[in-house]
Protein backbone atom coordinates (compact mmCIF):
# COMPACT_ATOMS: atom_id res chain seq x y z
CA MET A 1 -130.55 35.54 -185.00
CA GLU A 2 -129.45 38.45 -182.85
CA THR A 3 -126.65 37.96 -180.37
CA SER A 4 -126.12 39.82 -177.15
CA PRO A 5 -123.05 42.11 -177.08
CA ASN A 6 -122.31 40.75 -173.59
CA VAL A 7 -121.84 37.17 -174.81
CA ARG A 8 -118.17 36.25 -175.17
CA ARG A 9 -117.38 33.64 -177.77
CA PRO A 10 -114.14 31.68 -177.45
CA PRO A 11 -111.69 32.27 -180.31
CA TYR A 12 -111.12 29.60 -182.90
CA ALA A 13 -107.90 27.67 -182.46
CA PRO A 14 -105.61 28.10 -185.45
CA THR A 15 -105.59 25.11 -187.76
CA GLU A 16 -103.40 24.30 -190.71
CA MET A 17 -104.94 24.02 -194.14
CA GLU A 18 -104.49 20.24 -194.31
CA GLU A 19 -108.12 19.21 -194.75
CA GLU A 20 -107.24 16.34 -197.08
CA LEU A 21 -104.87 14.73 -194.58
CA TYR A 22 -106.90 15.63 -191.46
CA PRO A 23 -110.58 15.93 -192.50
CA GLU A 24 -113.18 17.24 -190.06
CA SER A 25 -115.46 14.27 -190.73
CA ASP A 26 -115.03 10.62 -191.59
CA GLY A 27 -117.94 10.88 -194.02
CA LYS A 28 -119.98 8.32 -192.10
CA PRO A 29 -123.39 9.19 -190.69
CA MET A 30 -123.64 9.52 -186.91
CA ALA A 31 -125.08 6.38 -185.34
CA ASP A 32 -126.33 8.08 -182.17
CA THR A 33 -129.75 7.24 -180.85
CA ASP A 34 -131.82 9.84 -179.03
CA LEU A 35 -130.81 8.29 -175.71
CA HIS A 36 -127.12 8.24 -176.66
CA LEU A 37 -127.26 11.90 -177.75
CA TYR A 38 -129.11 12.82 -174.55
CA TRP A 39 -126.34 11.31 -172.40
CA ILE A 40 -123.53 12.87 -174.46
CA LYS A 41 -125.09 16.32 -173.97
CA ARG A 42 -125.83 15.65 -170.31
CA VAL A 43 -122.31 14.42 -169.48
CA GLN A 44 -120.74 17.31 -171.38
CA ASP A 45 -122.95 19.82 -169.52
CA MET A 46 -122.08 18.23 -166.17
CA LEU A 47 -118.34 18.30 -166.93
CA GLU A 48 -118.52 21.92 -168.07
CA THR A 49 -120.37 22.88 -164.90
CA TYR A 50 -118.08 20.91 -162.60
CA LEU A 51 -114.88 22.13 -164.27
CA SER A 52 -116.03 25.68 -165.07
CA GLN A 53 -113.64 27.27 -162.55
CA ASP A 54 -110.59 26.10 -164.54
CA PRO A 55 -110.30 28.01 -167.85
CA GLY A 56 -107.45 25.71 -168.94
CA ILE A 57 -109.70 22.70 -169.46
CA TYR A 58 -110.94 21.84 -172.94
CA ILE A 59 -114.17 19.84 -173.11
CA SER A 60 -115.60 18.65 -176.40
CA GLY A 61 -117.00 15.65 -178.15
CA ASN A 62 -117.65 14.15 -181.56
CA ILE A 63 -114.58 15.95 -182.92
CA MET A 64 -112.12 14.15 -185.20
CA MET A 65 -109.03 13.41 -183.11
CA TYR A 66 -105.81 12.39 -184.87
CA ASP A 67 -103.13 10.45 -183.00
CA ILE A 68 -99.93 11.08 -185.01
CA LYS A 69 -98.80 13.45 -187.72
CA GLY A 70 -98.64 12.17 -191.28
CA PRO A 71 -100.33 9.73 -193.62
CA MET A 72 -100.06 6.75 -191.21
CA ARG A 73 -102.30 8.48 -188.69
CA THR A 74 -105.48 7.04 -187.29
CA ALA A 75 -108.51 8.98 -186.13
CA VAL A 76 -111.31 8.56 -183.62
CA SER A 77 -114.26 10.72 -182.75
CA PRO A 78 -114.89 10.29 -179.02
CA ASP A 79 -118.28 11.03 -177.50
CA ILE A 80 -116.58 13.18 -174.83
CA LEU A 81 -113.04 14.55 -174.82
CA VAL A 82 -111.42 16.31 -171.85
CA ALA A 83 -107.93 17.83 -172.08
CA PHE A 84 -106.17 19.81 -169.37
CA GLY A 85 -103.99 22.87 -169.83
CA LEU A 86 -105.27 23.88 -173.27
CA GLY A 87 -108.10 26.32 -172.75
CA GLN A 88 -111.56 26.27 -174.23
CA LYS A 89 -111.44 27.25 -177.92
CA PHE A 90 -113.42 26.17 -180.94
CA ARG A 91 -111.40 23.59 -182.82
CA ARG A 92 -112.09 21.99 -186.19
CA THR A 93 -110.01 18.89 -185.39
CA TYR A 94 -107.89 17.72 -182.45
CA LYS A 95 -104.30 16.80 -183.31
CA VAL A 96 -102.66 15.08 -180.34
CA TRP A 97 -99.10 16.02 -181.36
CA GLU A 98 -100.08 19.72 -181.36
CA GLU A 99 -102.50 19.85 -178.45
CA GLY A 100 -101.47 17.15 -176.00
CA LYS A 101 -102.99 13.94 -174.78
CA PRO A 102 -106.69 14.12 -173.77
CA GLN A 103 -108.66 11.92 -171.40
CA ILE A 104 -111.03 9.96 -173.63
CA SER A 105 -114.43 8.69 -172.60
């Protein structure tokens, strides 16, 4: 696939090499139906369009989000995640103690 030289890709956010403690997946298959997936994409597109003037807003979804640092942590994978003041970057996981508290849908 050829990419246009005019297309800017956001940089990847730095992540620590702690895949065992903070994996990118819970190993479970996604349980989304076609309708569920349609609405996730639609809501994410609407949020990105509505909030596009603020480069500090991070919008994502279905990313592993960890609440606290360490082995007692819990994780969720929200359909949509919106966090303010971070900037849009590709992330492999979302660690609340590093990034800040998101608004979860």
